[in-house]
Structure formats: structure tokens, C-alpha cells
Amino acid sequence: MWGKGKKAPNDAGQRPAGPRDAFKARDAKRIAVEKAYAQDQRRKARALTGELAEAHSHRLKVRLNWAILGLVVGLIIVFLILWFVD
């Protein structure tokens, strides 16, 4: 830096491997593993989403049918009350 020349690269044309290079290699491997895990989890979540959405839709349909039945029965009761009170 201060008047010293640059160190000559080794015969492969790269710096000698040091602790920083080992850290970068481990970090790159860790990141690759995390990405693969995240992709796997997203794939599993998407696979379950179809089944879960279908089950949720079925539950909503059943509840809607019960609500419609309750309204129809309520209307019939009100009609009968008004019919016989007259």
C-alpha cells in the first residue's frame, strides 16, 4: 500500500485460500441450502393449498345451505303466523 508492490499471484492466478475465502464458501453453501429449503416449503404449501381450499369451500357451501334453509323456514313461519292471525 505505502510504496510496496502488489503481491504476485500464485501459479493459479488467484490469491491463496484464507479464512475469508472459507467463510465465503460456507456462506454461499448456506444461502444455497436456504433457498432450496424455501423453494421446497413453497412447493409443499402450494400442494396443500388446493386441498385446503377445496375443504374450506365445502365448509362454506354447507354453512350457506344451512343459512338458506333457516331463512326459508323463518319465512314459512312468518307467513303461517300472518295467515292465521288475520
PDB file of N, CA and C in Angstrom:
ATOM      1  N   MET A   1       0.817  -1.175   0.000  1.00  0.00           N
ATOM      2  CA  MET A   1       0.000   0.000   0.000  1.00  0.00           C
ATOM      3  C   MET A   1       0.869   1.249   0.000  1.00  0.00           C
ATOM      4  N   TRP A   2       1.812   1.361   0.927  1.00  0.00           N
ATOM      5  CA  TRP A   2       2.677   2.528   1.005  1.00  0.00           C
ATOM      6  C   TRP A   2       3.997   2.225   0.328  1.00  0.00           C
ATOM      7  N   GLY A   3       3.981   2.265  -0.952  1.00  0.00           N
ATOM      8  CA  GLY A   3       5.216   2.072  -1.680  1.00  0.00           C
ATOM      9  C   GLY A   3       5.562   0.616  -1.921  1.00  0.00           C
ATOM     10  N   LYS A   4       4.771  -0.278  -1.385  1.00  0.00           N
ATOM     11  CA  LYS A   4       5.060  -1.689  -1.598  1.00  0.00           C
ATOM     12  C   LYS A   4       4.346  -2.146  -2.857  1.00  0.00           C
ATOM     13  N   GLY A   5       4.962  -3.005  -3.578  1.00  0.00           N
ATOM     14  CA  GLY A   5       4.340  -3.542  -4.776  1.00  0.00           C
ATOM     15  C   GLY A   5       3.279  -4.584  -4.411  1.00  0.00           C
ATOM     16  N   LYS A   6       2.431  -4.843  -5.355  1.00  0.00           N
ATOM     17  CA  LYS A   6       1.403  -5.857  -5.118  1.00  0.00           C
ATOM     18  C   LYS A   6       2.063  -7.220  -5.030  1.00  0.00           C
ATOM     19  N   LYS A   7       1.456  -8.057  -4.221  1.00  0.00           N
ATOM     20  CA  LYS A   7       1.976  -9.417  -4.113  1.00  0.00           C
ATOM     21  C   LYS A   7       1.685 -10.153  -5.409  1.00  0.00           C
ATOM     22  N   ALA A   8       2.599 -10.952  -5.798  1.00  0.00           N
ATOM     23  CA  ALA A   8       2.427 -11.718  -7.030  1.00  0.00           C
ATOM     24  C   ALA A   8       1.394 -12.818  -6.789  1.00  0.00           C
ATOM     25  N   PRO A   9       0.485 -12.993  -7.725  1.00  0.00           N
ATOM     26  CA  PRO A   9      -0.494 -14.073  -7.556  1.00  0.00           C
ATOM     27  C   PRO A   9       0.189 -15.428  -7.634  1.00  0.00           C
ATOM     28  N   ASN A  10      -0.462 -16.422  -7.022  1.00  0.00           N
ATOM     29  CA  ASN A  10       0.128 -17.759  -7.071  1.00  0.00           C
ATOM     30  C   ASN A  10       0.016 -18.319  -8.489  1.00  0.00           C
ATOM     31  N   ASP A  11       0.454 -19.527  -8.665  1.00  0.00           N
ATOM     32  CA  ASP A  11       0.532 -20.075 -10.016  1.00  0.00           C
ATOM     33  C   ASP A  11      -0.847 -20.248 -10.665  1.00  0.00           C
ATOM     34  N   ALA A  12      -1.937 -20.288  -9.901  1.00  0.00           N
ATOM     35  CA  ALA A  12      -3.269 -20.425 -10.492  1.00  0.00           C
ATOM     36  C   ALA A  12      -3.837 -19.062 -10.874  1.00  0.00           C
ATOM     37  N   GLY A  13      -3.154 -18.008 -10.513  1.00  0.00           N
ATOM     38  CA  GLY A  13      -3.625 -16.675 -10.849  1.00  0.00           C
ATOM     39  C   GLY A  13      -4.619 -16.128  -9.831  1.00  0.00           C
ATOM     40  N   GLN A  14      -4.720 -16.765  -8.662  1.00  0.00           N
ATOM     41  CA  GLN A  14      -5.636 -16.316  -7.620  1.00  0.00           C
ATOM     42  C   GLN A  14      -4.870 -16.146  -6.324  1.00  0.00           C
ATOM     43  N   ARG A  15      -5.554 -15.509  -5.386  1.00  0.00           N
ATOM     44  CA  ARG A  15      -4.945 -15.360  -4.069  1.00  0.00           C
ATOM     45  C   ARG A  15      -4.939 -16.714  -3.370  1.00  0.00           C
ATOM     46  N   PRO A  16      -4.036 -16.887  -2.445  1.00  0.00           N
ATOM     47  CA  PRO A  16      -4.055 -18.135  -1.684  1.00  0.00           C
ATOM     48  C   PRO A  16      -5.328 -18.192  -0.824  1.00  0.00           C
ATOM     49  N   ALA A  17      -5.857 -19.380  -0.643  1.00  0.00           N
ATOM     50  CA  ALA A  17      -7.085 -19.546   0.134  1.00  0.00           C
ATOM     51  C   ALA A  17      -6.808 -19.181   1.582  1.00  0.00           C
ATOM     52  N   GLY A  18      -7.706 -18.406   2.136  1.00  0.00           N
ATOM     53  CA  GLY A  18      -7.563 -17.984   3.517  1.00  0.00           C
ATOM     54  C   GLY A  18      -8.874 -18.161   4.258  1.00  0.00           C
ATOM     55  N   PRO A  19      -8.932 -17.694   5.494  1.00  0.00           N
ATOM     56  CA  PRO A  19     -10.152 -17.857   6.283  1.00  0.00           C
ATOM     57  C   PRO A  19     -11.340 -17.106   5.680  1.00  0.00           C
ATOM     58  N   ARG A  20     -11.062 -15.979   5.035  1.00  0.00           N
ATOM     59  CA  ARG A  20     -12.157 -15.215   4.429  1.00  0.00           C
ATOM     60  C   ARG A  20     -12.775 -15.988   3.263  1.00  0.00           C
ATOM     61  N   ASP A  21     -11.934 -16.649   2.472  1.00  0.00           N
ATOM     62  CA  ASP A  21     -12.441 -17.444   1.352  1.00  0.00           C
ATOM     63  C   ASP A  21     -13.247 -18.638   1.855  1.00  0.00           C
ATOM     64  N   ALA A  22     -12.780 -19.249   2.932  1.00  0.00           N
ATOM     65  CA  ALA A  22     -13.512 -20.379   3.508  1.00  0.00           C
ATOM     66  C   ALA A  22     -14.871 -19.907   4.018  1.00  0.00           C
ATOM     67  N   PHE A  23     -14.891 -18.722   4.643  1.00  0.00           N
ATOM     68  CA  PHE A  23     -16.162 -18.176   5.134  1.00  0.00           C
ATOM     69  C   PHE A  23     -17.118 -17.912   3.977  1.00  0.00           C
ATOM     70  N   LYS A  24     -16.595 -17.318   2.903  1.00  0.00           N
ATOM     71  CA  LYS A  24     -17.452 -17.027   1.750  1.00  0.00           C
ATOM     72  C   LYS A  24     -18.002 -18.307   1.141  1.00  0.00           C
ATOM     73  N   ALA A  25     -17.177 -19.349   1.085  1.00  0.00           N
ATOM     74  CA  ALA A  25     -17.637 -20.624   0.530  1.00  0.00           C
ATOM     75  C   ALA A  25     -18.735 -21.227   1.413  1.00  0.00           C
ATOM     76  N   ARG A  26     -18.526 -21.207   2.736  1.00  0.00           N
ATOM     77  CA  ARG A  26     -19.552 -21.732   3.654  1.00  0.00           C
ATOM     78  C   ARG A  26     -20.825 -20.905   3.565  1.00  0.00           C
ATOM     79  N   ASP A  27     -20.671 -19.589   3.464  1.00  0.00           N
ATOM     80  CA  ASP A  27     -21.836 -18.704   3.383  1.00  0.00           C
ATOM     81  C   ASP A  27     -22.613 -18.947   2.092  1.00  0.00           C
ATOM     82  N   ALA A  28     -21.899 -19.118   0.986  1.00  0.00           N
ATOM     83  CA  ALA A  28     -22.572 -19.390  -0.291  1.00  0.00           C
ATOM     84  C   ALA A  28     -23.317 -20.722  -0.227  1.00  0.00           C
ATOM     85  N   LYS A  29     -22.710 -21.725   0.412  1.00  0.00           N
ATOM     86  CA  LYS A  29     -23.370 -23.020   0.547  1.00  0.00           C
ATOM     87  C   LYS A  29     -24.606 -22.890   1.438  1.00  0.00           C
ATOM     88  N   ARG A  30     -24.498 -22.131   2.529  1.00  0.00           N
ATOM     89  CA  ARG A  30     -25.631 -21.924   3.435  1.00  0.00           C
ATOM     90  C   ARG A  30     -26.778 -21.237   2.712  1.00  0.00           C
ATOM     91  N   ILE A  31     -26.468 -20.228   1.932  1.00  0.00           N
ATOM     92  CA  ILE A  31     -27.506 -19.498   1.192  1.00  0.00           C
ATOM     93  C   ILE A  31     -28.183 -20.414   0.177  1.00  0.00           C
ATOM     94  N   ALA A  32     -27.392 -21.244  -0.495  1.00  0.00           N
ATOM     95  CA  ALA A  32     -27.971 -22.175  -1.474  1.00  0.00           C
ATOM     96  C   ALA A  32     -28.908 -23.167  -0.787  1.00  0.00           C
ATOM     97  N   VAL A  33     -28.508 -23.659   0.384  1.00  0.00           N
ATOM     98  CA  VAL A  33     -29.354 -24.605   1.121  1.00  0.00           C
ATOM     99  C   VAL A  33     -30.634 -23.917   1.578  1.00  0.00           C
ATOM    100  N   GLU A  34     -30.527 -22.676   2.058  1.00  0.00           N
ATOM    101  CA  GLU A  34     -31.717 -21.942   2.499  1.00  0.00           C
ATOM    102  C   GLU A  34     -32.679 -21.695   1.337  1.00  0.00           C
ATOM    103  N   LYS A  35     -32.143 -21.352   0.175  1.00  0.00           N
ATOM    104  CA  LYS A  35     -33.001 -21.137  -0.999  1.00  0.00           C
ATOM    105  C   LYS A  35     -33.714 -22.423  -1.393  1.00  0.00           C
ATOM    106  N   ALA A  36     -32.983 -23.535  -1.379  1.00  0.00           N
ATOM    107  CA  ALA A  36     -33.600 -24.822  -1.729  1.00  0.00           C
ATOM    108  C   ALA A  36     -34.696 -25.173  -0.729  1.00  0.00           C
ATOM    109  N   TYR A  37     -34.442 -24.922   0.559  1.00  0.00           N
ATOM    110  CA  TYR A  37     -35.447 -25.208   1.592  1.00  0.00           C
ATOM    111  C   TYR A  37     -36.675 -24.325   1.395  1.00  0.00           C
ATOM    112  N   ALA A  38     -36.467 -23.048   1.103  1.00  0.00           N
ATOM    113  CA  ALA A  38     -37.596 -22.132   0.895  1.00  0.00           C
ATOM    114  C   ALA A  38     -38.423 -22.558  -0.316  1.00  0.00           C
ATOM    115  N   GLN A  39     -37.761 -22.950  -1.390  1.00  0.00           N
ATOM    116  CA  GLN A  39     -38.492 -23.411  -2.575  1.00  0.00           C
ATOM    117  C   GLN A  39     -39.283 -24.672  -2.268  1.00  0.00           C
ATOM    118  N   ASP A  40     -38.687 -25.580  -1.503  1.00  0.00           N
ATOM    119  CA  ASP A  40     -39.379 -26.815  -1.136  1.00  0.00           C
ATOM    120  C   ASP A  40     -40.607 -26.507  -0.282  1.00  0.00           C
ATOM    121  N   GLN A  41     -40.463 -25.586   0.659  1.00  0.00           N
ATOM    122  CA  GLN A  41     -41.600 -25.224   1.516  1.00  0.00           C
ATOM    123  C   GLN A  41     -42.708 -24.562   0.708  1.00  0.00           C
ATOM    124  N   ARG A  42     -42.338 -23.693  -0.244  1.00  0.00           N
ATOM    125  CA  ARG A  42     -43.358 -23.059  -1.090  1.00  0.00           C
ATOM    126  C   ARG A  42     -44.088 -24.103  -1.926  1.00  0.00           C
ATOM    127  N   ARG A  43     -43.338 -25.080  -2.450  1.00  0.00           N
ATOM    128  CA  ARG A  43     -43.953 -26.136  -3.243  1.00  0.00           C
ATOM    129  C   ARG A  43     -44.934 -26.944  -2.397  1.00  0.00           C
ATOM    130  N   LYS A  44     -44.544 -27.278  -1.167  1.00  0.00           N
ATOM    131  CA  LYS A  44     -45.428 -28.031  -0.277  1.00  0.00           C
ATOM    132  C   LYS A  44     -46.661 -27.209   0.079  1.00  0.00           C
ATOM    133  N   ALA A  45     -46.481 -25.922   0.315  1.00  0.00           N
ATOM    134  CA  ALA A  45     -47.617 -25.063   0.663  1.00  0.00           C
ATOM    135  C   ALA A  45     -48.590 -24.974  -0.502  1.00  0.00           C
ATOM    136  N   ARG A  46     -48.078 -24.869  -1.712  1.00  0.00           N
ATOM    137  CA  ARG A  46     -48.956 -24.818  -2.884  1.00  0.00           C
ATOM    138  C   ARG A  46     -49.701 -26.130  -3.062  1.00  0.00           C
ATOM    139  N   ALA A  47     -49.039 -27.243  -2.786  1.00  0.00           N
ATOM    140  CA  ALA A  47     -49.684 -28.547  -2.932  1.00  0.00           C
ATOM    141  C   ALA A  47     -50.833 -28.682  -1.940  1.00  0.00           C
ATOM    142  N   LEU A  48     -50.639 -28.183  -0.717  1.00  0.00           N
ATOM    143  CA  LEU A  48     -51.693 -28.262   0.288  1.00  0.00           C
ATOM    144  C   LEU A  48     -52.788 -27.249   0.027  1.00  0.00           C
ATOM    145  N   THR A  49     -52.456 -26.169  -0.623  1.00  0.00           N
ATOM    146  CA  THR A  49     -53.424 -25.102  -0.833  1.00  0.00           C
ATOM    147  C   THR A  49     -54.632 -25.603  -1.606  1.00  0.00           C
ATOM    148  N   GLY A  50     -54.442 -26.426  -2.608  1.00  0.00           N
ATOM    149  CA  GLY A  50     -55.564 -26.942  -3.381  1.00  0.00           C
ATOM    150  C   GLY A  50     -56.513 -27.750  -2.520  1.00  0.00           C
ATOM    151  N   GLU A  51     -55.956 -28.651  -1.702  1.00  0.00           N
ATOM    152  CA  GLU A  51     -56.792 -29.471  -0.832  1.00  0.00           C
ATOM    153  C   GLU A  51     -57.458 -28.620   0.238  1.00  0.00           C
ATOM    154  N   LEU A  52     -56.695 -27.706   0.827  1.00  0.00           N
ATOM    155  CA  LEU A  52     -57.258 -26.864   1.883  1.00  0.00           C
ATOM    156  C   LEU A  52     -58.332 -25.941   1.335  1.00  0.00           C
ATOM    157  N   ALA A  53     -58.115 -25.409   0.159  1.00  0.00           N
ATOM    158  CA  ALA A  53     -59.112 -24.521  -0.442  1.00  0.00           C
ATOM    159  C   ALA A  53     -60.384 -25.290  -0.748  1.00  0.00           C
ATOM    160  N   GLU A  54     -60.224 -26.520  -1.198  1.00  0.00           N
ATOM    161  CA  GLU A  54     -61.396 -27.340  -1.501  1.00  0.00           C
ATOM    162  C   GLU A  54     -62.191 -27.642  -0.232  1.00  0.00           C
ATOM    163  N   ALA A  55     -61.502 -27.977   0.849  1.00  0.00           N
ATOM    164  CA  ALA A  55     -62.179 -28.263   2.119  1.00  0.00           C
ATOM    165  C   ALA A  55     -62.860 -27.004   2.659  1.00  0.00           C
ATOM    166  N   HIS A  56     -62.173 -25.879   2.560  1.00  0.00           N
ATOM    167  CA  HIS A  56     -62.741 -24.611   3.026  1.00  0.00           C
ATOM    168  C   HIS A  56     -63.986 -24.258   2.215  1.00  0.00           C
ATOM    169  N   SER A  57     -63.914 -24.437   0.927  1.00  0.00           N
ATOM    170  CA  SER A  57     -65.051 -24.165   0.052  1.00  0.00           C
ATOM    171  C   SER A  57     -66.229 -25.069   0.407  1.00  0.00           C
ATOM    172  N   HIS A  58     -65.953 -26.327   0.687  1.00  0.00           N
ATOM    173  CA  HIS A  58     -67.025 -27.264   1.048  1.00  0.00           C
ATOM    174  C   HIS A  58     -67.701 -26.829   2.352  1.00  0.00           C
ATOM    175  N   ARG A  59     -66.902 -26.427   3.345  1.00  0.00           N
ATOM    176  CA  ARG A  59     -67.479 -25.967   4.621  1.00  0.00           C
ATOM    177  C   ARG A  59     -68.349 -24.742   4.414  1.00  0.00           C
ATOM    178  N   LEU A  60     -67.892 -23.818   3.576  1.00  0.00           N
ATOM    179  CA  LEU A  60     -68.690 -22.619   3.310  1.00  0.00           C
ATOM    180  C   LEU A  60     -70.004 -22.968   2.619  1.00  0.00           C
ATOM    181  N   LYS A  61     -69.961 -23.913   1.691  1.00  0.00           N
ATOM    182  CA  LYS A  61     -71.187 -24.329   0.998  1.00  0.00           C
ATOM    183  C   LYS A  61     -72.188 -24.930   1.977  1.00  0.00           C
ATOM    184  N   VAL A  62     -71.708 -25.759   2.892  1.00  0.00           N
ATOM    185  CA  VAL A  62     -72.596 -26.380   3.881  1.00  0.00           C
ATOM    186  C   VAL A  62     -73.217 -25.310   4.772  1.00  0.00           C
ATOM    187  N   ARG A  63     -72.413 -24.356   5.228  1.00  0.00           N
ATOM    188  CA  ARG A  63     -72.947 -23.291   6.086  1.00  0.00           C
ATOM    189  C   ARG A  63     -73.947 -22.424   5.331  1.00  0.00           C
ATOM    190  N   LEU A  64     -73.669 -22.153   4.073  1.00  0.00           N
ATOM    191  CA  LEU A  64     -74.592 -21.360   3.261  1.00  0.00           C
ATOM    192  C   LEU A  64     -75.910 -22.104   3.072  1.00  0.00           C
ATOM    193  N   ASN A  65     -75.844 -23.396   2.833  1.00  0.00           N
ATOM    194  CA  ASN A  65     -77.069 -24.185   2.692  1.00  0.00           C
ATOM    195  C   ASN A  65     -77.901 -24.147   3.972  1.00  0.00           C
ATOM    196  N   TRP A  66     -77.243 -24.256   5.138  1.00  0.00           N
ATOM    197  CA  TRP A  66     -77.980 -24.180   6.402  1.00  0.00           C
ATOM    198  C   TRP A  66     -78.592 -22.795   6.593  1.00  0.00           C
ATOM    199  N   ALA A  67     -77.868 -21.752   6.220  1.00  0.00           N
ATOM    200  CA  ALA A  67     -78.401 -20.389   6.354  1.00  0.00           C
ATOM    201  C   ALA A  67     -79.619 -20.201   5.455  1.00  0.00           C
ATOM    202  N   ILE A  68     -79.556 -20.688   4.239  1.00  0.00           N
ATOM    203  CA  ILE A  68     -80.696 -20.579   3.315  1.00  0.00           C
ATOM    204  C   ILE A  68     -81.887 -21.364   3.860  1.00  0.00           C
ATOM    205  N   LEU A  69     -81.632 -22.556   4.369  1.00  0.00           N
ATOM    206  CA  LEU A  69     -82.708 -23.365   4.946  1.00  0.00           C
ATOM    207  C   LEU A  69     -83.352 -22.638   6.127  1.00  0.00           C
ATOM    208  N   GLY A  70     -82.535 -22.023   6.978  1.00  0.00           N
ATOM    209  CA  GLY A  70     -83.069 -21.264   8.120  1.00  0.00           C
ATOM    210  C   GLY A  70     -83.930 -20.102   7.667  1.00  0.00           C
ATOM    211  N   LEU A  71     -83.495 -19.395   6.641  1.00  0.00           N
ATOM    212  CA  LEU A  71     -84.284 -18.267   6.129  1.00  0.00           C
ATOM    213  C   LEU A  71     -85.611 -18.739   5.536  1.00  0.00           C
ATOM    214  N   VAL A  72     -85.591 -19.829   4.794  1.00  0.00           N
ATOM    215  CA  VAL A  72     -86.827 -20.349   4.198  1.00  0.00           C
ATOM    216  C   VAL A  72     -87.795 -20.787   5.294  1.00  0.00           C
ATOM    217  N   VAL A  73     -87.291 -21.492   6.297  1.00  0.00           N
ATOM    218  CA  VAL A  73     -88.149 -21.923   7.409  1.00  0.00           C
ATOM    219  C   VAL A  73     -88.697 -20.704   8.145  1.00  0.00           C
ATOM    220  N   GLY A  74     -87.856 -19.693   8.353  1.00  0.00           N
ATOM    221  CA  GLY A  74     -88.317 -18.462   9.003  1.00  0.00           C
ATOM    222  C   GLY A  74     -89.405 -17.775   8.200  1.00  0.00           C
ATOM    223  N   LEU A  75     -89.244 -17.699   6.902  1.00  0.00           N
ATOM    224  CA  LEU A  75     -90.272 -17.083   6.056  1.00  0.00           C
ATOM    225  C   LEU A  75     -91.584 -17.863   6.112  1.00  0.00           C
ATOM    226  N   ILE A  76     -91.486 -19.181   6.120  1.00  0.00           N
ATOM    227  CA  ILE A  76     -92.701 -20.003   6.204  1.00  0.00           C
ATOM    228  C   ILE A  76     -93.404 -19.770   7.539  1.00  0.00           C
ATOM    229  N   ILE A  77     -92.633 -19.706   8.619  1.00  0.00           N
ATOM    230  CA  ILE A  77     -93.230 -19.461   9.940  1.00  0.00           C
ATOM    231  C   ILE A  77     -93.919 -18.105   9.971  1.00  0.00           C
ATOM    232  N   VAL A  78     -93.253 -17.066   9.456  1.00  0.00           N
ATOM    233  CA  VAL A  78     -93.861 -15.728   9.427  1.00  0.00           C
ATOM    234  C   VAL A  78     -95.119 -15.747   8.567  1.00  0.00           C
ATOM    235  N   PHE A  79     -95.086 -16.401   7.427  1.00  0.00           N
ATOM    236  CA  PHE A  79     -96.267 -16.491   6.561  1.00  0.00           C
ATOM    237  C   PHE A  79     -97.421 -17.180   7.286  1.00  0.00           C
ATOM    238  N   LEU A  80     -97.141 -18.289   7.979  1.00  0.00           N
ATOM    239  CA  LEU A  80     -98.194 -19.003   8.704  1.00  0.00           C
ATOM    240  C   LEU A  80     -98.766 -18.157   9.840  1.00  0.00           C
ATOM    241  N   ILE A  81     -97.898 -17.443  10.555  1.00  0.00           N
ATOM    242  CA  ILE A  81     -98.382 -16.571  11.636  1.00  0.00           C
ATOM    243  C   ILE A  81     -99.294 -15.496  11.064  1.00  0.00           C
ATOM    244  N   LEU A  82     -98.859 -14.849  10.001  1.00  0.00           N
ATOM    245  CA  LEU A  82     -99.681 -13.790   9.407  1.00  0.00           C
ATOM    246  C   LEU A  82    -100.968 -14.362   8.815  1.00  0.00           C
ATOM    247  N   TRP A  83    -100.931 -15.566   8.310  1.00  0.00           N
ATOM    248  CA  TRP A  83    -102.114 -16.195   7.711  1.00  0.00           C
ATOM    249  C   TRP A  83    -103.182 -16.479   8.772  1.00  0.00           C
ATOM    250  N   PHE A  84    -102.733 -17.033   9.922  1.00  0.00           N
ATOM    251  CA  PHE A  84    -103.704 -17.425  10.934  1.00  0.00           C
ATOM    252  C   PHE A  84    -104.102 -16.276  11.854  1.00  0.00           C
ATOM    253  N   VAL A  85    -103.313 -15.230  11.963  1.00  0.00           N
ATOM    254  CA  VAL A  85    -103.660 -14.084  12.801  1.00  0.00           C
ATOM    255  C   VAL A  85    -104.735 -13.254  12.116  1.00  0.00           C
ATOM    256  N   ASP A  86    -104.766 -13.230  10.850  1.00  0.00           N
ATOM    257  CA  ASP A  86    -105.743 -12.435  10.105  1.00  0.00           C
ATOM    258  C   ASP A  86    -107.095 -12.906  10.472  1.00  0.00           C
TER     259      ASP A  86
END
